[in-house]
Amino acid sequence: MALVDKVKNQAAQLAQKAQEAGKAGQAKIEELQARRRADGQLRELGVILYTQLKDGGEFQPSSEVGNLVSDLKSFEAEFGPLGDTAQD
């Protein structure tokens, strides 16, 4: 009977480790998706700025710019500074 109990314990430990690895993998996927979203938002912000300034114009703040900046600040609060590619 001791052998059966030992095998059951090992199986339970392996199942728990697999579940933990799955959760860690899912968290990494979610972080990568958030980084891609932030990259797109940075690009969009850059396009807005470039479009406004390319012919000697002036920067015109808008609600769209404010929303992008707010989203990017939220990203930084959760995942760290933008441009930090050491984690990619």
Foldseek 3Di string as FASTA:
>chain_A
DVVVVVVVVVVVVVVVVVVVVVVVVVVVVVLVVLLVVLVVLVVVLVVLCCVQPVVPHDDDDDVSNVVSVVSQVVNCVVPNDPPPPPVD
